[in-house]
Amino acid sequence: MAIFARWFYSGDTEANVELARQFCGFALGAGKIPFAPHLLFPQFMGGVDPDQRELAMFLNRVLLAKCKALWAYVGHVSPGMRLEIGWARDLQAPVKYFDSDFKEVTP
């Protein structure tokens, strides 16, 4: 089952990218196929450019529609994450929340 793995990206991006990689590894170990566009898109899209940010969010919505669930880190929920969680709910996709120890939590 493919899941949309969502972790906070901005701020200390180096540390957040490492945690997102670990989170994806955790999901893989749980038998899921993690997809984390916030790890992919910054490789070739600028997050500061409003047009590229809008395009990235559009692509996130398209890709989320292909996933069976959204897994989100709750240490810091950004506005973009809130939007994606809302999209998952609109799609009636399960949303699971995890802390930094990858323990499922209730928001």
PDB file of N, CA and C in Angstrom:
ATOM      1  N   MET A   1       0.828  -1.168   0.000  1.00  0.00           N
ATOM      2  CA  MET A   1       0.000   0.000   0.000  1.00  0.00           C
ATOM      3  C   MET A   1       0.878   1.238   0.000  1.00  0.00           C
ATOM      4  N   ALA A   2       0.608   2.149  -0.921  1.00  0.00           N
ATOM      5  CA  ALA A   2       1.358   3.406  -0.978  1.00  0.00           C
ATOM      6  C   ALA A   2       0.771   4.383   0.027  1.00  0.00           C
ATOM      7  N   ILE A   3       1.654   5.054   0.755  1.00  0.00           N
ATOM      8  CA  ILE A   3       1.220   6.089   1.682  1.00  0.00           C
ATOM      9  C   ILE A   3       1.933   7.388   1.355  1.00  0.00           C
ATOM     10  N   PHE A   4       1.279   8.450   1.644  1.00  0.00           N
ATOM     11  CA  PHE A   4       1.829   9.795   1.469  1.00  0.00           C
ATOM     12  C   PHE A   4       2.456  10.153   2.807  1.00  0.00           C
ATOM     13  N   ALA A   5       3.777  10.172   2.877  1.00  0.00           N
ATOM     14  CA  ALA A   5       4.483  10.455   4.123  1.00  0.00           C
ATOM     15  C   ALA A   5       4.759  11.939   4.206  1.00  0.00           C
ATOM     16  N   ARG A   6       4.259  12.579   5.249  1.00  0.00           N
ATOM     17  CA  ARG A   6       4.402  14.033   5.333  1.00  0.00           C
ATOM     18  C   ARG A   6       5.110  14.426   6.614  1.00  0.00           C
ATOM     19  N   TRP A   7       6.197  15.106   6.438  1.00  0.00           N
ATOM     20  CA  TRP A   7       7.055  15.556   7.525  1.00  0.00           C
ATOM     21  C   TRP A   7       7.314  17.025   7.312  1.00  0.00           C
ATOM     22  N   PHE A   8       7.546  17.760   8.383  1.00  0.00           N
ATOM     23  CA  PHE A   8       7.840  19.187   8.296  1.00  0.00           C
ATOM     24  C   PHE A   8       9.172  19.381   7.565  1.00  0.00           C
ATOM     25  N   TYR A   9       9.237  20.283   6.601  1.00  0.00           N
ATOM     26  CA  TYR A   9      10.444  20.455   5.785  1.00  0.00           C
ATOM     27  C   TYR A   9      11.231  21.715   6.120  1.00  0.00           C
ATOM     28  N   SER A  10      10.573  22.838   6.285  1.00  0.00           N
ATOM     29  CA  SER A  10      11.312  24.096   6.455  1.00  0.00           C
ATOM     30  C   SER A  10      11.920  24.203   7.853  1.00  0.00           C
ATOM     31  N   GLY A  11      12.603  25.305   8.096  1.00  0.00           N
ATOM     32  CA  GLY A  11      13.308  25.457   9.371  1.00  0.00           C
ATOM     33  C   GLY A  11      14.686  24.842   9.243  1.00  0.00           C
ATOM     34  N   ASP A  12      15.006  23.900  10.110  1.00  0.00           N
ATOM     35  CA  ASP A  12      16.286  23.177  10.045  1.00  0.00           C
ATOM     36  C   ASP A  12      16.126  22.071   9.007  1.00  0.00           C
ATOM     37  N   THR A  13      16.243  22.451   7.732  1.00  0.00           N
ATOM     38  CA  THR A  13      15.943  21.497   6.661  1.00  0.00           C
ATOM     39  C   THR A  13      16.848  20.277   6.695  1.00  0.00           C
ATOM     40  N   GLU A  14      18.100  20.440   7.060  1.00  0.00           N
ATOM     41  CA  GLU A  14      19.008  19.289   7.092  1.00  0.00           C
ATOM     42  C   GLU A  14      18.515  18.238   8.090  1.00  0.00           C
ATOM     43  N   ALA A  15      18.184  18.664   9.293  1.00  0.00           N
ATOM     44  CA  ALA A  15      17.677  17.735  10.307  1.00  0.00           C
ATOM     45  C   ALA A  15      16.310  17.183   9.914  1.00  0.00           C
ATOM     46  N   ASN A  16      15.448  18.047   9.349  1.00  0.00           N
ATOM     47  CA  ASN A  16      14.109  17.600   8.962  1.00  0.00           C
ATOM     48  C   ASN A  16      14.149  16.607   7.814  1.00  0.00           C
ATOM     49  N   VAL A  17      15.065  16.802   6.869  1.00  0.00           N
ATOM     50  CA  VAL A  17      15.216  15.842   5.770  1.00  0.00           C
ATOM     51  C   VAL A  17      15.684  14.495   6.314  1.00  0.00           C
ATOM     52  N   GLU A  18      16.625  14.503   7.234  1.00  0.00           N
ATOM     53  CA  GLU A  18      17.103  13.246   7.815  1.00  0.00           C
ATOM     54  C   GLU A  18      15.975  12.532   8.552  1.00  0.00           C
ATOM     55  N   LEU A  19      15.179  13.259   9.328  1.00  0.00           N
ATOM     56  CA  LEU A  19      14.050  12.638  10.023  1.00  0.00           C
ATOM     57  C   LEU A  19      13.021  12.096   9.033  1.00  0.00           C
ATOM     58  N   ALA A  20      12.788  12.823   7.938  1.00  0.00           N
ATOM     59  CA  ALA A  20      11.847  12.351   6.924  1.00  0.00           C
ATOM     60  C   ALA A  20      12.356  11.075   6.262  1.00  0.00           C
ATOM     61  N   ARG A  21      13.647  11.002   6.018  1.00  0.00           N
ATOM     62  CA  ARG A  21      14.222   9.771   5.460  1.00  0.00           C
ATOM     63  C   ARG A  21      14.017   8.603   6.415  1.00  0.00           C
ATOM     64  N   GLN A  22      14.246   8.858   7.699  1.00  0.00           N
ATOM     65  CA  GLN A  22      14.038   7.807   8.697  1.00  0.00           C
ATOM     66  C   GLN A  22      12.565   7.403   8.767  1.00  0.00           C
ATOM     67  N   PHE A  23      11.676   8.387   8.683  1.00  0.00           N
ATOM     68  CA  PHE A  23      10.244   8.119   8.715  1.00  0.00           C
ATOM     69  C   PHE A  23       9.834   7.252   7.521  1.00  0.00           C
ATOM     70  N   CYS A  24      10.379   7.549   6.352  1.00  0.00           N
ATOM     71  CA  CYS A  24      10.084   6.739   5.167  1.00  0.00           C
ATOM     72  C   CYS A  24      10.616   5.320   5.342  1.00  0.00           C
ATOM     73  N   GLY A  25      11.792   5.192   5.954  1.00  0.00           N
ATOM     74  CA  GLY A  25      12.332   3.868   6.246  1.00  0.00           C
ATOM     75  C   GLY A  25      11.442   3.114   7.211  1.00  0.00           C
ATOM     76  N   PHE A  26      10.914   3.812   8.199  1.00  0.00           N
ATOM     77  CA  PHE A  26       9.967   3.214   9.142  1.00  0.00           C
ATOM     78  C   PHE A  26       8.727   2.710   8.403  1.00  0.00           C
ATOM     79  N   ALA A  27       8.192   3.531   7.509  1.00  0.00           N
ATOM     80  CA  ALA A  27       7.004   3.138   6.741  1.00  0.00           C
ATOM     81  C   ALA A  27       7.300   1.918   5.871  1.00  0.00           C
ATOM     82  N   LEU A  28       8.458   1.912   5.242  1.00  0.00           N
ATOM     83  CA  LEU A  28       8.854   0.770   4.423  1.00  0.00           C
ATOM     84  C   LEU A  28       8.931  -0.493   5.279  1.00  0.00           C
ATOM     85  N   GLY A  29       9.505  -0.377   6.463  1.00  0.00           N
ATOM     86  CA  GLY A  29       9.588  -1.503   7.380  1.00  0.00           C
ATOM     87  C   GLY A  29       8.226  -1.995   7.839  1.00  0.00           C
ATOM     88  N   ALA A  30       7.226  -1.122   7.780  1.00  0.00           N
ATOM     89  CA  ALA A  30       5.858  -1.488   8.145  1.00  0.00           C
ATOM     90  C   ALA A  30       5.094  -2.060   6.952  1.00  0.00           C
ATOM     91  N   GLY A  31       5.819  -2.294   5.843  1.00  0.00           N
ATOM     92  CA  GLY A  31       5.187  -2.894   4.673  1.00  0.00           C
ATOM     93  C   GLY A  31       4.474  -1.912   3.766  1.00  0.00           C
ATOM     94  N   LYS A  32       4.747  -0.628   3.929  1.00  0.00           N
ATOM     95  CA  LYS A  32       4.115   0.400   3.103  1.00  0.00           C
ATOM     96  C   LYS A  32       5.103   0.893   2.050  1.00  0.00           C
ATOM     97  N   ILE A  33       4.595   1.525   1.037  1.00  0.00           N
ATOM     98  CA  ILE A  33       5.425   2.166   0.011  1.00  0.00           C
ATOM     99  C   ILE A  33       5.343   3.667   0.285  1.00  0.00           C
ATOM    100  N   PRO A  34       6.365   4.230   0.929  1.00  0.00           N
ATOM    101  CA  PRO A  34       6.277   5.655   1.277  1.00  0.00           C
ATOM    102  C   PRO A  34       6.544   6.554   0.083  1.00  0.00           C
ATOM    103  N   PHE A  35       5.787   7.623   0.029  1.00  0.00           N
ATOM    104  CA  PHE A  35       6.031   8.651  -0.969  1.00  0.00           C
ATOM    105  C   PHE A  35       6.096   9.982  -0.248  1.00  0.00           C
ATOM    106  N   ALA A  36       7.225  10.643  -0.331  1.00  0.00           N
ATOM    107  CA  ALA A  36       7.439  11.916   0.370  1.00  0.00           C
ATOM    108  C   ALA A  36       7.854  12.978  -0.640  1.00  0.00           C
ATOM    109  N   PRO A  37       6.891  13.654  -1.269  1.00  0.00           N
ATOM    110  CA  PRO A  37       7.237  14.637  -2.297  1.00  0.00           C
ATOM    111  C   PRO A  37       8.073  15.789  -1.772  1.00  0.00           C
ATOM    112  N   HIS A  38       7.985  16.091  -0.482  1.00  0.00           N
ATOM    113  CA  HIS A  38       8.789  17.194   0.062  1.00  0.00           C
ATOM    114  C   HIS A  38      10.269  16.817   0.124  1.00  0.00           C
ATOM    115  N   LEU A  39      10.597  15.552  -0.084  1.00  0.00           N
ATOM    116  CA  LEU A  39      11.995  15.153  -0.233  1.00  0.00           C
ATOM    117  C   LEU A  39      12.410  15.184  -1.703  1.00  0.00           C
ATOM    118  N   LEU A  40      11.466  14.991  -2.590  1.00  0.00           N
ATOM    119  CA  LEU A  40      11.755  14.932  -4.023  1.00  0.00           C
ATOM    120  C   LEU A  40      11.744  16.315  -4.687  1.00  0.00           C
ATOM    121  N   PHE A  41      10.677  17.050  -4.529  1.00  0.00           N
ATOM    122  CA  PHE A  41      10.500  18.292  -5.281  1.00  0.00           C
ATOM    123  C   PHE A  41      11.581  19.345  -5.031  1.00  0.00           C
ATOM    124  N   PRO A  42      12.092  19.515  -3.795  1.00  0.00           N
ATOM    125  CA  PRO A  42      13.150  20.522  -3.599  1.00  0.00           C
ATOM    126  C   PRO A  42      14.427  20.229  -4.392  1.00  0.00           C
ATOM    127  N   GLN A  43      14.562  19.020  -4.910  1.00  0.00           N
ATOM    128  CA  GLN A  43      15.741  18.692  -5.701  1.00  0.00           C
ATOM    129  C   GLN A  43      15.767  19.468  -7.019  1.00  0.00           C
ATOM    130  N   PHE A  44      14.571  19.874  -7.486  1.00  0.00           N
ATOM    131  CA  PHE A  44      14.525  20.566  -8.780  1.00  0.00           C
ATOM    132  C   PHE A  44      13.527  21.722  -8.833  1.00  0.00           C
ATOM    133  N   MET A  45      12.854  22.006  -7.705  1.00  0.00           N
ATOM    134  CA  MET A  45      11.901  23.115  -7.659  1.00  0.00           C
ATOM    135  C   MET A  45      12.280  24.031  -6.505  1.00  0.00           C
ATOM    136  N   GLY A  46      12.148  25.325  -6.705  1.00  0.00           N
ATOM    137  CA  GLY A  46      12.422  26.277  -5.640  1.00  0.00           C
ATOM    138  C   GLY A  46      11.208  26.466  -4.751  1.00  0.00           C
ATOM    139  N   GLY A  47      11.388  26.342  -3.454  1.00  0.00           N
ATOM    140  CA  GLY A  47      10.281  26.500  -2.527  1.00  0.00           C
ATOM    141  C   GLY A  47       9.917  27.943  -2.262  1.00  0.00           C
ATOM    142  N   VAL A  48      10.767  28.872  -2.666  1.00  0.00           N
ATOM    143  CA  VAL A  48      10.517  30.287  -2.407  1.00  0.00           C
ATOM    144  C   VAL A  48       9.656  30.899  -3.505  1.00  0.00           C
ATOM    145  N   ASP A  49       9.828  30.448  -4.722  1.00  0.00           N
ATOM    146  CA  ASP A  49       9.070  30.968  -5.866  1.00  0.00           C
ATOM    147  C   ASP A  49       7.591  30.592  -5.699  1.00  0.00           C
ATOM    148  N   PRO A  50       6.689  31.580  -5.608  1.00  0.00           N
ATOM    149  CA  PRO A  50       5.267  31.286  -5.383  1.00  0.00           C
ATOM    150  C   PRO A  50       4.650  30.400  -6.468  1.00  0.00           C
ATOM    151  N   ASP A  51       5.050  30.593  -7.723  1.00  0.00           N
ATOM    152  CA  ASP A  51       4.499  29.775  -8.796  1.00  0.00           C
ATOM    153  C   ASP A  51       4.934  28.318  -8.663  1.00  0.00           C
ATOM    154  N   GLN A  52       6.190  28.114  -8.308  1.00  0.00           N
ATOM    155  CA  GLN A  52       6.664  26.738  -8.138  1.00  0.00           C
ATOM    156  C   GLN A  52       6.045  26.105  -6.890  1.00  0.00           C
ATOM    157  N   ARG A  53       5.866  26.878  -5.848  1.00  0.00           N
ATOM    158  CA  ARG A  53       5.209  26.361  -4.639  1.00  0.00           C
ATOM    159  C   ARG A  53       3.786  25.939  -4.964  1.00  0.00           C
ATOM    160  N   GLU A  54       3.070  26.761  -5.720  1.00  0.00           N
ATOM    161  CA  GLU A  54       1.704  26.428  -6.116  1.00  0.00           C
ATOM    162  C   GLU A  54       1.687  25.157  -6.969  1.00  0.00           C
ATOM    163  N   LEU A  55       2.631  25.033  -7.899  1.00  0.00           N
ATOM    164  CA  LEU A  55       2.732  23.830  -8.718  1.00  0.00           C
ATOM    165  C   LEU A  55       3.035  22.607  -7.851  1.00  0.00           C
ATOM    166  N   ALA A  56       3.955  22.754  -6.916  1.00  0.00           N
ATOM    167  CA  ALA A  56       4.293  21.634  -6.028  1.00  0.00           C
ATOM    168  C   ALA A  56       3.077  21.199  -5.220  1.00  0.00           C
ATOM    169  N   MET A  57       2.299  22.133  -4.718  1.00  0.00           N
ATOM    170  CA  MET A  57       1.108  21.774  -3.943  1.00  0.00           C
ATOM    171  C   MET A  57       0.069  21.093  -4.842  1.00  0.00           C
ATOM    172  N   PHE A  58      -0.061  21.532  -6.080  1.00  0.00           N
ATOM    173  CA  PHE A  58      -0.956  20.853  -7.022  1.00  0.00           C
ATOM    174  C   PHE A  58      -0.494  19.416  -7.243  1.00  0.00           C
ATOM    175  N   LEU A  59       0.812  19.248  -7.470  1.00  0.00           N
ATOM    176  CA  LEU A  59       1.351  17.898  -7.676  1.00  0.00           C
ATOM    177  C   LEU A  59       1.157  17.036  -6.431  1.00  0.00           C
ATOM    178  N   ASN A  60       1.326  17.627  -5.251  1.00  0.00           N
ATOM    179  CA  ASN A  60       1.090  16.889  -4.009  1.00  0.00           C
ATOM    180  C   ASN A  60      -0.340  16.360  -3.955  1.00  0.00           C
ATOM    181  N   ARG A  61      -1.285  17.199  -4.359  1.00  0.00           N
ATOM    182  CA  ARG A  61      -2.699  16.773  -4.323  1.00  0.00           C
ATOM    183  C   ARG A  61      -2.948  15.626  -5.299  1.00  0.00           C
ATOM    184  N   VAL A  62      -2.382  15.723  -6.485  1.00  0.00           N
ATOM    185  CA  VAL A  62      -2.536  14.647  -7.465  1.00  0.00           C
ATOM    186  C   VAL A  62      -1.937  13.351  -6.932  1.00  0.00           C
ATOM    187  N   LEU A  63      -0.743  13.436  -6.380  1.00  0.00           N
ATOM    188  CA  LEU A  63      -0.066  12.242  -5.877  1.00  0.00           C
ATOM    189  C   LEU A  63      -0.759  11.676  -4.642  1.00  0.00           C
ATOM    190  N   LEU A  64      -1.255  12.535  -3.776  1.00  0.00           N
ATOM    191  CA  LEU A  64      -1.986  12.063  -2.605  1.00  0.00           C
ATOM    192  C   LEU A  64      -3.209  11.244  -3.018  1.00  0.00           C
ATOM    193  N   ALA A  65      -3.852  11.645  -4.091  1.00  0.00           N
ATOM    194  CA  ALA A  65      -5.033  10.918  -4.576  1.00  0.00           C
ATOM    195  C   ALA A  65      -4.692   9.492  -5.010  1.00  0.00           C
ATOM    196  N   LYS A  66      -3.430   9.228  -5.292  1.00  0.00           N
ATOM    197  CA  LYS A  66      -2.997   7.893  -5.696  1.00  0.00           C
ATOM    198  C   LYS A  66      -2.603   7.022  -4.502  1.00  0.00           C
ATOM    199  N   CYS A  67      -2.535   7.618  -3.316  1.00  0.00           N
ATOM    200  CA  CYS A  67      -2.093   6.902  -2.113  1.00  0.00           C
ATOM    201  C   CYS A  67      -3.290   6.411  -1.313  1.00  0.00           C
ATOM    202  N   LYS A  68      -3.062   5.404  -0.502  1.00  0.00           N
ATOM    203  CA  LYS A  68      -4.129   4.815   0.309  1.00  0.00           C
ATOM    204  C   LYS A  68      -4.292   5.487   1.660  1.00  0.00           C
ATOM    205  N   ALA A  69      -3.295   6.257   2.094  1.00  0.00           N
ATOM    206  CA  ALA A  69      -3.347   6.901   3.409  1.00  0.00           C
ATOM    207  C   ALA A  69      -2.328   8.029   3.455  1.00  0.00           C
ATOM    208  N   LEU A  70      -2.472   8.881   4.457  1.00  0.00           N
ATOM    209  CA  LEU A  70      -1.482   9.911   4.727  1.00  0.00           C
ATOM    210  C   LEU A  70      -0.961   9.683   6.140  1.00  0.00           C
ATOM    211  N   TRP A  71       0.360   9.628   6.274  1.00  0.00           N
ATOM    212  CA  TRP A  71       1.005   9.534   7.580  1.00  0.00           C
ATOM    213  C   TRP A  71       1.694  10.862   7.815  1.00  0.00           C
ATOM    214  N   ALA A  72       1.435  11.485   8.954  1.00  0.00           N
ATOM    215  CA  ALA A  72       1.974  12.813   9.230  1.00  0.00           C
ATOM    216  C   ALA A  72       2.706  12.852  10.562  1.00  0.00           C
ATOM    217  N   TYR A  73       3.778  13.614  10.591  1.00  0.00           N
ATOM    218  CA  TYR A  73       4.540  13.894  11.805  1.00  0.00           C
ATOM    219  C   TYR A  73       3.862  15.047  12.526  1.00  0.00           C
ATOM    220  N   VAL A  74       3.642  14.899  13.832  1.00  0.00           N
ATOM    221  CA  VAL A  74       2.901  15.928  14.554  1.00  0.00           C
ATOM    222  C   VAL A  74       3.775  16.879  15.367  1.00  0.00           C
ATOM    223  N   GLY A  75       5.091  16.725  15.316  1.00  0.00           N
ATOM    224  CA  GLY A  75       5.966  17.623  16.069  1.00  0.00           C
ATOM    225  C   GLY A  75       5.760  19.066  15.676  1.00  0.00           C
ATOM    226  N   HIS A  76       5.515  19.299  14.416  1.00  0.00           N
ATOM    227  CA  HIS A  76       5.203  20.632  13.909  1.00  0.00           C
ATOM    228  C   HIS A  76       4.374  20.446  12.645  1.00  0.00           C
ATOM    229  N   VAL A  77       3.159  20.900  12.658  1.00  0.00           N
ATOM    230  CA  VAL A  77       2.279  20.772  11.494  1.00  0.00           C
ATOM    231  C   VAL A  77       2.232  22.129  10.805  1.00  0.00           C
ATOM    232  N   SER A  78       2.828  22.185   9.619  1.00  0.00           N
ATOM    233  CA  SER A  78       2.885  23.440   8.860  1.00  0.00           C
ATOM    234  C   SER A  78       1.541  23.697   8.169  1.00  0.00           C
ATOM    235  N   PRO A  79       1.337  24.919   7.676  1.00  0.00           N
ATOM    236  CA  PRO A  79       0.110  25.197   6.918  1.00  0.00           C
ATOM    237  C   PRO A  79      -0.061  24.268   5.709  1.00  0.00           C
ATOM    238  N   GLY A  80       1.047  23.960   5.014  1.00  0.00           N
ATOM    239  CA  GLY A  80       0.960  23.033   3.888  1.00  0.00           C
ATOM    240  C   GLY A  80       0.540  21.639   4.316  1.00  0.00           C
ATOM    241  N   MET A  81       1.056  21.200   5.463  1.00  0.00           N
ATOM    242  CA  MET A  81       0.658  19.891   5.992  1.00  0.00           C
ATOM    243  C   MET A  81      -0.827  19.881   6.348  1.00  0.00           C
ATOM    244  N   ARG A  82      -1.304  20.976   6.965  1.00  0.00           N
ATOM    245  CA  ARG A  82      -2.730  21.059   7.316  1.00  0.00           C
ATOM    246  C   ARG A  82      -3.597  20.942   6.065  1.00  0.00           C
ATOM    247  N   LEU A  83      -3.161  21.612   5.008  1.00  0.00           N
ATOM    248  CA  LEU A  83      -3.890  21.560   3.746  1.00  0.00           C
ATOM    249  C   LEU A  83      -3.937  20.129   3.221  1.00  0.00           C
ATOM    250  N   GLU A  84      -2.803  19.442   3.237  1.00  0.00           N
ATOM    251  CA  GLU A  84      -2.744  18.060   2.734  1.00  0.00           C
ATOM    252  C   GLU A  84      -3.560  17.110   3.608  1.00  0.00           C
ATOM    253  N   ILE A  85      -3.563  17.323   4.912  1.00  0.00           N
ATOM    254  CA  ILE A  85      -4.393  16.506   5.801  1.00  0.00           C
ATOM    255  C   ILE A  85      -5.865  16.700   5.442  1.00  0.00           C
ATOM    256  N   GLY A  86      -6.245  17.940   5.162  1.00  0.00           N
ATOM    257  CA  GLY A  86      -7.616  18.215   4.728  1.00  0.00           C
ATOM    258  C   GLY A  86      -7.946  17.524   3.416  1.00  0.00           C
ATOM    259  N   TRP A  87      -6.993  17.532   2.490  1.00  0.00           N
ATOM    260  CA  TRP A  87      -7.214  16.840   1.212  1.00  0.00           C
ATOM    261  C   TRP A  87      -7.410  15.346   1.437  1.00  0.00           C
ATOM    262  N   ALA A  88      -6.592  14.764   2.311  1.00  0.00           N
ATOM    263  CA  ALA A  88      -6.720  13.331   2.596  1.00  0.00           C
ATOM    264  C   ALA A  88      -8.102  13.040   3.155  1.00  0.00           C
ATOM    265  N   ARG A  89      -8.565  13.875   4.049  1.00  0.00           N
ATOM    266  CA  ARG A  89      -9.912  13.677   4.614  1.00  0.00           C
ATOM    267  C   ARG A  89     -10.973  13.813   3.531  1.00  0.00           C
ATOM    268  N   ASP A  90     -10.813  14.798   2.625  1.00  0.00           N
ATOM    269  CA  ASP A  90     -11.750  14.960   1.504  1.00  0.00           C
ATOM    270  C   ASP A  90     -11.787  13.698   0.643  1.00  0.00           C
ATOM    271  N   LEU A  91     -10.634  13.053   0.507  1.00  0.00           N
ATOM    272  CA  LEU A  91     -10.539  11.820  -0.291  1.00  0.00           C
ATOM    273  C   LEU A  91     -10.951  10.594   0.513  1.00  0.00           C
ATOM    274  N   GLN A  92     -11.310  10.798   1.762  1.00  0.00           N
ATOM    275  CA  GLN A  92     -11.663   9.723   2.694  1.00  0.00           C
ATOM    276  C   GLN A  92     -10.521   8.726   2.865  1.00  0.00           C
ATOM    277  N   ALA A  93      -9.301   9.249   2.804  1.00  0.00           N
ATOM    278  CA  ALA A  93      -8.107   8.434   3.044  1.00  0.00           C
ATOM    279  C   ALA A  93      -7.779   8.495   4.531  1.00  0.00           C
ATOM    280  N   PRO A  94      -7.408   7.380   5.113  1.00  0.00           N
ATOM    281  CA  PRO A  94      -7.030   7.410   6.527  1.00  0.00           C
ATOM    282  C   PRO A  94      -5.829   8.330   6.752  1.00  0.00           C
ATOM    283  N   VAL A  95      -5.850   9.026   7.885  1.00  0.00           N
ATOM    284  CA  VAL A  95      -4.739   9.883   8.289  1.00  0.00           C
ATOM    285  C   VAL A  95      -4.224   9.344   9.615  1.00  0.00           C
ATOM    286  N   LYS A  96      -2.934   9.030   9.660  1.00  0.00           N
ATOM    287  CA  LYS A  96      -2.303   8.569  10.888  1.00  0.00           C
ATOM    288  C   LYS A  96      -1.252   9.591  11.280  1.00  0.00           C
ATOM    289  N   TYR A  97      -1.113   9.795  12.574  1.00  0.00           N
ATOM    290  CA  TYR A  97      -0.183  10.778  13.103  1.00  0.00           C
ATOM    291  C   TYR A  97       0.892  10.069  13.919  1.00  0.00           C
ATOM    292  N   PHE A  98       2.137  10.542  13.786  1.00  0.00           N
ATOM    293  CA  PHE A  98       3.270   9.924  14.461  1.00  0.00           C
ATOM    294  C   PHE A  98       4.133  10.991  15.118  1.00  0.00           C
ATOM    295  N   ASP A  99       4.736  10.602  16.252  1.00  0.00           N
ATOM    296  CA  ASP A  99       5.691  11.493  16.900  1.00  0.00           C
ATOM    297  C   ASP A  99       7.094  11.204  16.380  1.00  0.00           C
ATOM    298  N   SER A 100       8.091  11.883  16.925  1.00  0.00           N
ATOM    299  CA  SER A 100       9.455  11.744  16.417  1.00  0.00           C
ATOM    300  C   SER A 100      10.069  10.374  16.713  1.00  0.00           C
ATOM    301  N   ASP A 101       9.422   9.590  17.587  1.00  0.00           N
ATOM    302  CA  ASP A 101       9.862   8.215  17.843  1.00  0.00           C
ATOM    303  C   ASP A 101       9.109   7.222  16.968  1.00  0.00           C
ATOM    304  N   PHE A 102       8.323   7.747  16.020  1.00  0.00           N
ATOM    305  CA  PHE A 102       7.513   6.949  15.094  1.00  0.00           C
ATOM    306  C   PHE A 102       6.452   6.125  15.817  1.00  0.00           C
ATOM    307  N   LYS A 103       5.976   6.656  16.907  1.00  0.00           N
ATOM    308  CA  LYS A 103       4.865   6.055  17.646  1.00  0.00           C
ATOM    309  C   LYS A 103       3.595   6.745  17.181  1.00  0.00           C
ATOM    310  N   GLU A 104       2.565   5.949  16.875  1.00  0.00           N
ATOM    311  CA  GLU A 104       1.304   6.544  16.445  1.00  0.00           C
ATOM    312  C   GLU A 104       0.669   7.268  17.631  1.00  0.00           C
ATOM    313  N   VAL A 105       0.182   8.469  17.359  1.00  0.00           N
ATOM    314  CA  VAL A 105      -0.416   9.293  18.399  1.00  0.00           C
ATOM    315  C   VAL A 105      -1.756   9.847  17.913  1.00  0.00           C
ATOM    316  N   THR A 106      -2.536  10.319  18.866  1.00  0.00           N
ATOM    317  CA  THR A 106      -3.787  10.992  18.552  1.00  0.00           C
ATOM    318  C   THR A 106      -3.512  12.488  18.556  1.00  0.00           C
ATOM    319  N   PRO A 107      -3.898  13.183  17.492  1.00  0.00           N
ATOM    320  CA  PRO A 107      -3.604  14.630  17.436  1.00  0.00           C
ATOM    321  C   PRO A 107      -4.377  15.424  18.478  1.00  0.00           C
TER     322      PRO A 107
END
